[in-house]
């Protein structure tokens, strides 16, 4: 069975127009934000830092309902909601690969009635314990990819998913990857000449690709199309790549 297109999306600043972790952190007032938190991030990494953020939110009586409201109120990147619906309706398979967490992503998608469009989400697990504390874990622990953080290699996740679907009898004719950040470089480097990469304009990934004066970024085989909104991505997929015909 051929499923012509797999489209993988980052989440923060790609589907939602903000960083979900930062939105949650901002629920804490500056007075209740210890100076030592900066050192915690530098010494122990982002996951440990966010675990402590969730503990601080809990100890300051900022409950799950308040956190959920803050996350679901984040606006979508312009045109992205329609893009997800269109891609799903045209038979594309959509996955999300994100360094956010399951609670944030699932709640936001449900709030926009978009969860049906996403086949699978790969992100850091987050569960609410009996005391109402949001507890965060790493998606995996890896040390093979130097481009990625220890808790999430997006390139490996993408490769593993394609292999799993192939073993299930589903073969993708092309793959598209949509992202904005530094950790989106790894999956883009794993794309083939038949695939397409969408780095968001004026964000870190695009700047990395534009300022590669010392050839620090390996050669990208996929065709690269910078984007600013979902309408632009859909137009590129329709007209320039020819992956599918527009709906009649």
C-alpha atoms as a PDB file:
ATOM      1  CA  UNK A   1       0.000   0.000   0.000  1.00  0.00           C
ATOM      2  CA  UNK A   2       1.366   3.431  -0.936  1.00  0.00           C
ATOM      3  CA  UNK A   3       0.501   6.429   1.216  1.00  0.00           C
ATOM      4  CA  UNK A   4       1.847   9.164  -1.022  1.00  0.00           C
ATOM      5  CA  UNK A   5       2.842  11.792   1.549  1.00  0.00           C
ATOM      6  CA  UNK A   6       4.022  11.795   5.145  1.00  0.00           C
ATOM      7  CA  UNK A   7       4.156  15.262   6.686  1.00  0.00           C
ATOM      8  CA  UNK A   8       5.969  15.711   9.995  1.00  0.00           C
ATOM      9  CA  UNK A   9       5.445  18.883  12.010  1.00  0.00           C
ATOM     10  CA  UNK A  10       7.256  20.444  14.898  1.00  0.00           C
ATOM     11  CA  UNK A  11       4.785  22.006  17.381  1.00  0.00           C
ATOM     12  CA  UNK A  12       6.094  25.166  19.106  1.00  0.00           C
ATOM     13  CA  UNK A  13       6.342  28.104  16.669  1.00  0.00           C
ATOM     14  CA  UNK A  14       5.228  25.760  13.886  1.00  0.00           C
ATOM     15  CA  UNK A  15       1.678  24.719  14.740  1.00  0.00           C
ATOM     16  CA  UNK A  16       1.188  27.013  17.745  1.00  0.00           C
ATOM     17  CA  UNK A  17       2.541  30.552  17.494  1.00  0.00           C
ATOM     18  CA  UNK A  18       4.530  30.470  20.747  1.00  0.00           C
ATOM     19  CA  UNK A  19       6.634  28.199  22.923  1.00  0.00           C
ATOM     20  CA  UNK A  20       4.348  26.139  25.182  1.00  0.00           C
ATOM     21  CA  UNK A  21       6.970  25.716  27.911  1.00  0.00           C
ATOM     22  CA  UNK A  22       7.620  29.455  28.068  1.00  0.00           C
ATOM     23  CA  UNK A  23       3.881  30.170  28.187  1.00  0.00           C
ATOM     24  CA  UNK A  24       3.596  27.851  31.201  1.00  0.00           C
ATOM     25  CA  UNK A  25       6.652  29.388  32.859  1.00  0.00           C
ATOM     26  CA  UNK A  26       5.183  32.875  32.524  1.00  0.00           C
ATOM     27  CA  UNK A  27       2.337  31.849  34.842  1.00  0.00           C
ATOM     28  CA  UNK A  28       4.889  32.319  37.611  1.00  0.00           C
ATOM     29  CA  UNK A  29       5.434  35.882  38.734  1.00  0.00           C
ATOM     30  CA  UNK A  30       9.019  37.169  38.679  1.00  0.00           C
ATOM     31  CA  UNK A  31       9.000  37.316  42.476  1.00  0.00           C
ATOM     32  CA  UNK A  32       8.338  33.570  42.671  1.00  0.00           C
ATOM     33  CA  UNK A  33      10.939  32.643  40.073  1.00  0.00           C
ATOM     34  CA  UNK A  34      14.215  31.734  41.845  1.00  0.00           C
ATOM     35  CA  UNK A  35      17.439  33.100  40.382  1.00  0.00           C
ATOM     36  CA  UNK A  36      18.926  29.607  40.720  1.00  0.00           C
ATOM     37  CA  UNK A  37      16.647  28.349  37.922  1.00  0.00           C
ATOM     38  CA  UNK A  38      19.015  29.701  35.245  1.00  0.00           C
ATOM     39  CA  UNK A  39      21.850  27.620  36.668  1.00  0.00           C
ATOM     40  CA  UNK A  40      19.581  24.563  36.824  1.00  0.00           C
ATOM     41  CA  UNK A  41      18.938  24.782  33.094  1.00  0.00           C
ATOM     42  CA  UNK A  42      22.622  25.249  32.266  1.00  0.00           C
ATOM     43  CA  UNK A  43      23.759  22.363  34.462  1.00  0.00           C
ATOM     44  CA  UNK A  44      20.944  19.835  34.070  1.00  0.00           C
ATOM     45  CA  UNK A  45      19.143  20.571  30.801  1.00  0.00           C
ATOM     46  CA  UNK A  46      15.661  21.621  29.750  1.00  0.00           C
ATOM     47  CA  UNK A  47      13.663  18.632  31.005  1.00  0.00           C
ATOM     48  CA  UNK A  48      15.007  18.998  34.551  1.00  0.00           C
ATOM     49  CA  UNK A  49      14.342  22.730  34.318  1.00  0.00           C
ATOM     50  CA  UNK A  50      10.712  22.198  33.245  1.00  0.00           C
ATOM     51  CA  UNK A  51      10.138  19.599  35.939  1.00  0.00           C
ATOM     52  CA  UNK A  52      11.112  22.259  38.468  1.00  0.00           C
ATOM     53  CA  UNK A  53       8.864  24.829  36.723  1.00  0.00           C
ATOM     54  CA  UNK A  54       5.893  22.484  37.118  1.00  0.00           C
ATOM     55  CA  UNK A  55       6.773  21.949  40.789  1.00  0.00           C
ATOM     56  CA  UNK A  56       6.922  25.722  41.329  1.00  0.00           C
ATOM     57  CA  UNK A  57       3.579  26.209  39.594  1.00  0.00           C
ATOM     58  CA  UNK A  58       2.046  23.527  41.802  1.00  0.00           C
ATOM     59  CA  UNK A  59       3.522  24.899  45.035  1.00  0.00           C
ATOM     60  CA  UNK A  60       2.233  28.369  44.124  1.00  0.00           C
ATOM     61  CA  UNK A  61      -1.337  27.084  43.657  1.00  0.00           C
ATOM     62  CA  UNK A  62      -1.327  27.432  39.876  1.00  0.00           C
ATOM     63  CA  UNK A  63      -3.374  24.375  39.036  1.00  0.00           C
ATOM     64  CA  UNK A  64      -3.767  22.186  35.964  1.00  0.00           C
ATOM     65  CA  UNK A  65      -6.866  24.072  34.839  1.00  0.00           C
ATOM     66  CA  UNK A  66      -4.919  27.355  34.730  1.00  0.00           C
ATOM     67  CA  UNK A  67      -2.036  25.719  32.869  1.00  0.00           C
ATOM     68  CA  UNK A  68      -4.422  24.102  30.387  1.00  0.00           C
ATOM     69  CA  UNK A  69      -6.180  27.423  29.765  1.00  0.00           C
ATOM     70  CA  UNK A  70      -2.885  29.190  29.110  1.00  0.00           C
ATOM     71  CA  UNK A  71      -1.835  26.509  26.608  1.00  0.00           C
ATOM     72  CA  UNK A  72      -5.147  26.229  24.766  1.00  0.00           C
ATOM     73  CA  UNK A  73      -5.281  30.026  24.437  1.00  0.00           C
ATOM     74  CA  UNK A  74      -2.079  30.051  22.382  1.00  0.00           C
ATOM     75  CA  UNK A  75      -3.058  31.053  18.828  1.00  0.00           C
ATOM     76  CA  UNK A  76      -2.251  28.819  15.904  1.00  0.00           C
ATOM     77  CA  UNK A  77       0.323  29.936  13.381  1.00  0.00           C
ATOM     78  CA  UNK A  78      -1.752  31.634  10.645  1.00  0.00           C
ATOM     79  CA  UNK A  79      -3.192  29.139   8.178  1.00  0.00           C
ATOM     80  CA  UNK A  80      -1.956  26.064  10.041  1.00  0.00           C
ATOM     81  CA  UNK A  81      -5.355  24.851  11.255  1.00  0.00           C
ATOM     82  CA  UNK A  82      -6.721  24.848   7.724  1.00  0.00           C
ATOM     83  CA  UNK A  83      -3.498  23.258   6.452  1.00  0.00           C
ATOM     84  CA  UNK A  84      -3.827  20.310   8.845  1.00  0.00           C
ATOM     85  CA  UNK A  85      -7.454  19.783   7.867  1.00  0.00           C
ATOM     86  CA  UNK A  86      -6.660  19.997   4.152  1.00  0.00           C
ATOM     87  CA  UNK A  87      -3.720  17.618   4.347  1.00  0.00           C
ATOM     88  CA  UNK A  88      -5.773  15.090   6.280  1.00  0.00           C
ATOM     89  CA  UNK A  89      -8.719  15.351   3.886  1.00  0.00           C
ATOM     90  CA  UNK A  90      -6.385  14.717   0.935  1.00  0.00           C
ATOM     91  CA  UNK A  91      -5.010  11.521   2.428  1.00  0.00           C
ATOM     92  CA  UNK A  92      -1.692  12.735   3.795  1.00  0.00           C
ATOM     93  CA  UNK A  93      -0.394  11.111   6.961  1.00  0.00           C
ATOM     94  CA  UNK A  94       0.471  13.697   9.620  1.00  0.00           C
ATOM     95  CA  UNK A  95       2.723  13.233  12.640  1.00  0.00           C
ATOM     96  CA  UNK A  96       4.056  15.672  15.239  1.00  0.00           C
ATOM     97  CA  UNK A  97       7.622  15.450  16.574  1.00  0.00           C
ATOM     98  CA  UNK A  98       8.121  17.982  19.365  1.00  0.00           C
ATOM     99  CA  UNK A  99      10.200  18.757  22.439  1.00  0.00           C
ATOM    100  CA  UNK A 100       7.040  19.998  24.192  1.00  0.00           C
ATOM    101  CA  UNK A 101       5.002  17.340  26.050  1.00  0.00           C
ATOM    102  CA  UNK A 102       1.958  15.120  25.622  1.00  0.00           C
ATOM    103  CA  UNK A 103      -0.302  17.160  27.906  1.00  0.00           C
ATOM    104  CA  UNK A 104       0.289  20.467  26.135  1.00  0.00           C
ATOM    105  CA  UNK A 105       0.003  19.083  22.611  1.00  0.00           C
ATOM    106  CA  UNK A 106      -3.021  16.850  23.225  1.00  0.00           C
ATOM    107  CA  UNK A 107      -4.969  19.557  25.049  1.00  0.00           C
ATOM    108  CA  UNK A 108      -4.258  22.171  22.381  1.00  0.00           C
ATOM    109  CA  UNK A 109      -5.222  19.860  19.517  1.00  0.00           C
ATOM    110  CA  UNK A 110      -8.436  18.830  21.297  1.00  0.00           C
ATOM    111  CA  UNK A 111      -9.331  22.473  21.954  1.00  0.00           C
ATOM    112  CA  UNK A 112      -9.201  23.133  18.193  1.00  0.00           C
ATOM    113  CA  UNK A 113     -10.818  19.813  17.192  1.00  0.00           C
ATOM    114  CA  UNK A 114      -7.656  18.884  15.310  1.00  0.00           C
ATOM    115  CA  UNK A 115      -6.616  15.718  17.137  1.00  0.00           C
ATOM    116  CA  UNK A 116      -8.325  13.539  14.492  1.00  0.00           C
ATOM    117  CA  UNK A 117      -5.944  14.873  11.825  1.00  0.00           C
ATOM    118  CA  UNK A 118      -2.742  13.714  13.552  1.00  0.00           C
ATOM    119  CA  UNK A 119      -1.849  10.045  13.205  1.00  0.00           C
ATOM    120  CA  UNK A 120       0.744  10.048  15.975  1.00  0.00           C
ATOM    121  CA  UNK A 121       2.586  12.446  18.290  1.00  0.00           C
ATOM    122  CA  UNK A 122       6.159  11.942  19.485  1.00  0.00           C
ATOM    123  CA  UNK A 123       7.054  14.117  22.445  1.00  0.00           C
ATOM    124  CA  UNK A 124       8.040  14.041  26.117  1.00  0.00           C
ATOM    125  CA  UNK A 125       5.475  12.181  28.265  1.00  0.00           C
ATOM    126  CA  UNK A 126       3.628  14.280  30.858  1.00  0.00           C
ATOM    127  CA  UNK A 127       1.098  12.951  33.360  1.00  0.00           C
ATOM    128  CA  UNK A 128      -0.896  14.528  36.189  1.00  0.00           C
ATOM    129  CA  UNK A 129      -0.296  12.806  39.518  1.00  0.00           C
ATOM    130  CA  UNK A 130      -2.847  12.385  42.321  1.00  0.00           C
ATOM    131  CA  UNK A 131      -1.855  15.748  43.817  1.00  0.00           C
ATOM    132  CA  UNK A 132      -2.453  17.596  40.546  1.00  0.00           C
ATOM    133  CA  UNK A 133       1.258  17.996  39.747  1.00  0.00           C
ATOM    134  CA  UNK A 134       2.254  17.748  36.089  1.00  0.00           C
ATOM    135  CA  UNK A 135       5.151  15.278  35.960  1.00  0.00           C
ATOM    136  CA  UNK A 136       7.468  15.293  32.961  1.00  0.00           C
ATOM    137  CA  UNK A 137       9.729  12.587  31.580  1.00  0.00           C
ATOM    138  CA  UNK A 138      12.140  12.297  28.661  1.00  0.00           C
ATOM    139  CA  UNK A 139      10.871  10.840  25.388  1.00  0.00           C
ATOM    140  CA  UNK A 140      14.045   8.754  25.230  1.00  0.00           C
ATOM    141  CA  UNK A 141      17.688   8.966  26.244  1.00  0.00           C
ATOM    142  CA  UNK A 142      20.152   9.104  23.367  1.00  0.00           C
ATOM    143  CA  UNK A 143      23.795  10.004  22.853  1.00  0.00           C
ATOM    144  CA  UNK A 144      24.286   8.969  19.214  1.00  0.00           C
ATOM    145  CA  UNK A 145      23.116  12.245  17.631  1.00  0.00           C
ATOM    146  CA  UNK A 146      25.235  15.283  18.489  1.00  0.00           C
ATOM    147  CA  UNK A 147      22.806  17.646  16.733  1.00  0.00           C
ATOM    148  CA  UNK A 148      20.002  16.756  19.154  1.00  0.00           C
ATOM    149  CA  UNK A 149      19.316  16.975  22.860  1.00  0.00           C
ATOM    150  CA  UNK A 150      19.729  13.852  24.976  1.00  0.00           C
ATOM    151  CA  UNK A 151      15.964  13.502  25.425  1.00  0.00           C
ATOM    152  CA  UNK A 152      14.802  13.877  21.819  1.00  0.00           C
ATOM    153  CA  UNK A 153      16.425  13.104  18.474  1.00  0.00           C
ATOM    154  CA  UNK A 154      13.786  14.107  15.936  1.00  0.00           C
ATOM    155  CA  UNK A 155      15.726  12.596  13.048  1.00  0.00           C
ATOM    156  CA  UNK A 156      15.837   9.177  14.683  1.00  0.00           C
ATOM    157  CA  UNK A 157      12.133   9.380  15.535  1.00  0.00           C
ATOM    158  CA  UNK A 158      11.288  10.212  11.909  1.00  0.00           C
ATOM    159  CA  UNK A 159      13.433   7.378  10.553  1.00  0.00           C
ATOM    160  CA  UNK A 160      11.968   4.894  13.034  1.00  0.00           C
ATOM    161  CA  UNK A 161       8.424   5.901  12.119  1.00  0.00           C
ATOM    162  CA  UNK A 162       9.011   5.495   8.386  1.00  0.00           C
ATOM    163  CA  UNK A 163      10.585   2.082   9.013  1.00  0.00           C
ATOM    164  CA  UNK A 164       7.686   1.017  11.245  1.00  0.00           C
ATOM    165  CA  UNK A 165       5.109   2.043   8.636  1.00  0.00           C
ATOM    166  CA  UNK A 166       7.093   0.230   5.946  1.00  0.00           C
ATOM    167  CA  UNK A 167       6.993  -2.945   8.051  1.00  0.00           C
ATOM    168  CA  UNK A 168       3.226  -2.431   8.282  1.00  0.00           C
ATOM    169  CA  UNK A 169       3.025  -2.281   4.496  1.00  0.00           C
ATOM    170  CA  UNK A 170       2.709   1.495   4.169  1.00  0.00           C
ATOM    171  CA  UNK A 171       5.325   3.122   1.936  1.00  0.00           C
ATOM    172  CA  UNK A 172       5.599   6.899   1.537  1.00  0.00           C
ATOM    173  CA  UNK A 173       6.330   8.321  -1.885  1.00  0.00           C
ATOM    174  CA  UNK A 174       7.559  11.570  -0.326  1.00  0.00           C
ATOM    175  CA  UNK A 175       8.148  13.081   3.088  1.00  0.00           C
ATOM    176  CA  UNK A 176       7.756  16.725   4.089  1.00  0.00           C
ATOM    177  CA  UNK A 177       9.116  18.199   7.318  1.00  0.00           C
ATOM    178  CA  UNK A 178       7.873  21.505   8.756  1.00  0.00           C
ATOM    179  CA  UNK A 179       9.757  23.238  11.580  1.00  0.00           C
ATOM    180  CA  UNK A 180      11.448  26.341  12.900  1.00  0.00           C
ATOM    181  CA  UNK A 181      14.158  25.511  15.399  1.00  0.00           C
ATOM    182  CA  UNK A 182      17.660  24.180  15.846  1.00  0.00           C
ATOM    183  CA  UNK A 183      16.414  20.707  16.745  1.00  0.00           C
ATOM    184  CA  UNK A 184      14.564  20.507  13.404  1.00  0.00           C
ATOM    185  CA  UNK A 185      17.845  20.368  11.490  1.00  0.00           C
ATOM    186  CA  UNK A 186      18.495  16.687  12.246  1.00  0.00           C
ATOM    187  CA  UNK A 187      15.290  15.328  10.630  1.00  0.00           C
ATOM    188  CA  UNK A 188      15.725  17.624   7.613  1.00  0.00           C
ATOM    189  CA  UNK A 189      19.231  16.231   7.059  1.00  0.00           C
ATOM    190  CA  UNK A 190      17.740  12.734   6.857  1.00  0.00           C
ATOM    191  CA  UNK A 191      15.389  13.581   3.997  1.00  0.00           C
ATOM    192  CA  UNK A 192      16.082  12.422   0.435  1.00  0.00           C
ATOM    193  CA  UNK A 193      16.088  14.276  -2.873  1.00  0.00           C
ATOM    194  CA  UNK A 194      12.425  13.381  -3.335  1.00  0.00           C
ATOM    195  CA  UNK A 195      11.456  15.018  -0.043  1.00  0.00           C
ATOM    196  CA  UNK A 196      10.765  18.618   0.957  1.00  0.00           C
ATOM    197  CA  UNK A 197      11.813  20.713   3.957  1.00  0.00           C
ATOM    198  CA  UNK A 198       9.916  23.752   5.233  1.00  0.00           C
ATOM    199  CA  UNK A 199      11.977  25.975   7.590  1.00  0.00           C
ATOM    200  CA  UNK A 200       9.940  28.883   9.001  1.00  0.00           C
ATOM    201  CA  UNK A 201      11.133  32.278   7.791  1.00  0.00           C
ATOM    202  CA  UNK A 202      13.019  34.475  10.305  1.00  0.00           C
ATOM    203  CA  UNK A 203      13.400  31.664  12.852  1.00  0.00           C
ATOM    204  CA  UNK A 204      16.484  29.810  14.075  1.00  0.00           C
ATOM    205  CA  UNK A 205      16.477  26.961  11.555  1.00  0.00           C
ATOM    206  CA  UNK A 206      16.225  29.330   8.598  1.00  0.00           C
ATOM    207  CA  UNK A 207      19.002  31.513  10.019  1.00  0.00           C
ATOM    208  CA  UNK A 208      21.219  28.448  10.436  1.00  0.00           C
ATOM    209  CA  UNK A 209      20.667  27.500   6.805  1.00  0.00           C
ATOM    210  CA  UNK A 210      21.227  31.068   5.570  1.00  0.00           C
ATOM    211  CA  UNK A 211      24.413  31.727   7.526  1.00  0.00           C
ATOM    212  CA  UNK A 212      26.265  28.513   6.873  1.00  0.00           C
ATOM    213  CA  UNK A 213      29.454  30.327   5.886  1.00  0.00           C
ATOM    214  CA  UNK A 214      31.784  27.693   7.319  1.00  0.00           C
ATOM    215  CA  UNK A 215      29.853  24.693   5.964  1.00  0.00           C
ATOM    216  CA  UNK A 216      28.899  23.665   9.479  1.00  0.00           C
ATOM    217  CA  UNK A 217      25.547  22.374   8.227  1.00  0.00           C
ATOM    218  CA  UNK A 218      25.930  19.229   6.093  1.00  0.00           C
ATOM    219  CA  UNK A 219      24.397  19.149   2.638  1.00  0.00           C
ATOM    220  CA  UNK A 220      20.605  19.002   2.614  1.00  0.00           C
ATOM    221  CA  UNK A 221      19.296  16.645  -0.058  1.00  0.00           C
ATOM    222  CA  UNK A 222      15.661  17.686   0.173  1.00  0.00           C
ATOM    223  CA  UNK A 223      14.252  20.701  -1.634  1.00  0.00           C
ATOM    224  CA  UNK A 224      13.959  23.599   0.819  1.00  0.00           C
ATOM    225  CA  UNK A 225      11.020  26.011   0.867  1.00  0.00           C
ATOM    226  CA  UNK A 226      10.966  28.746   3.537  1.00  0.00           C
ATOM    227  CA  UNK A 227       7.460  29.523   4.788  1.00  0.00           C
ATOM    228  CA  UNK A 228       5.614  32.047   6.929  1.00  0.00           C
ATOM    229  CA  UNK A 229       2.066  30.627   7.132  1.00  0.00           C
ATOM    230  CA  UNK A 230       0.104  27.465   6.438  1.00  0.00           C
ATOM    231  CA  UNK A 231      -1.449  28.816   3.247  1.00  0.00           C
ATOM    232  CA  UNK A 232       2.031  29.198   1.787  1.00  0.00           C
ATOM    233  CA  UNK A 233       2.917  25.584   2.636  1.00  0.00           C
ATOM    234  CA  UNK A 234      -0.260  24.285   1.009  1.00  0.00           C
ATOM    235  CA  UNK A 235       0.372  26.336  -2.120  1.00  0.00           C
ATOM    236  CA  UNK A 236       3.937  25.021  -2.409  1.00  0.00           C
ATOM    237  CA  UNK A 237       2.777  21.432  -1.987  1.00  0.00           C
ATOM    238  CA  UNK A 238       0.091  21.927  -4.635  1.00  0.00           C
ATOM    239  CA  UNK A 239       1.842  23.982  -7.266  1.00  0.00           C
ATOM    240  CA  UNK A 240       5.601  23.611  -6.966  1.00  0.00           C
ATOM    241  CA  UNK A 241       6.005  20.068  -5.702  1.00  0.00           C
ATOM    242  CA  UNK A 242       2.948  18.580  -7.398  1.00  0.00           C
ATOM    243  CA  UNK A 243       2.384  16.058  -4.627  1.00  0.00           C
ATOM    244  CA  UNK A 244      -1.349  16.219  -5.085  1.00  0.00           C
ATOM    245  CA  UNK A 245      -3.917  18.118  -7.063  1.00  0.00           C
ATOM    246  CA  UNK A 246      -6.031  20.854  -5.439  1.00  0.00           C
ATOM    247  CA  UNK A 247      -9.508  19.843  -4.368  1.00  0.00           C
ATOM    248  CA  UNK A 248     -12.138  20.500  -7.013  1.00  0.00           C
END
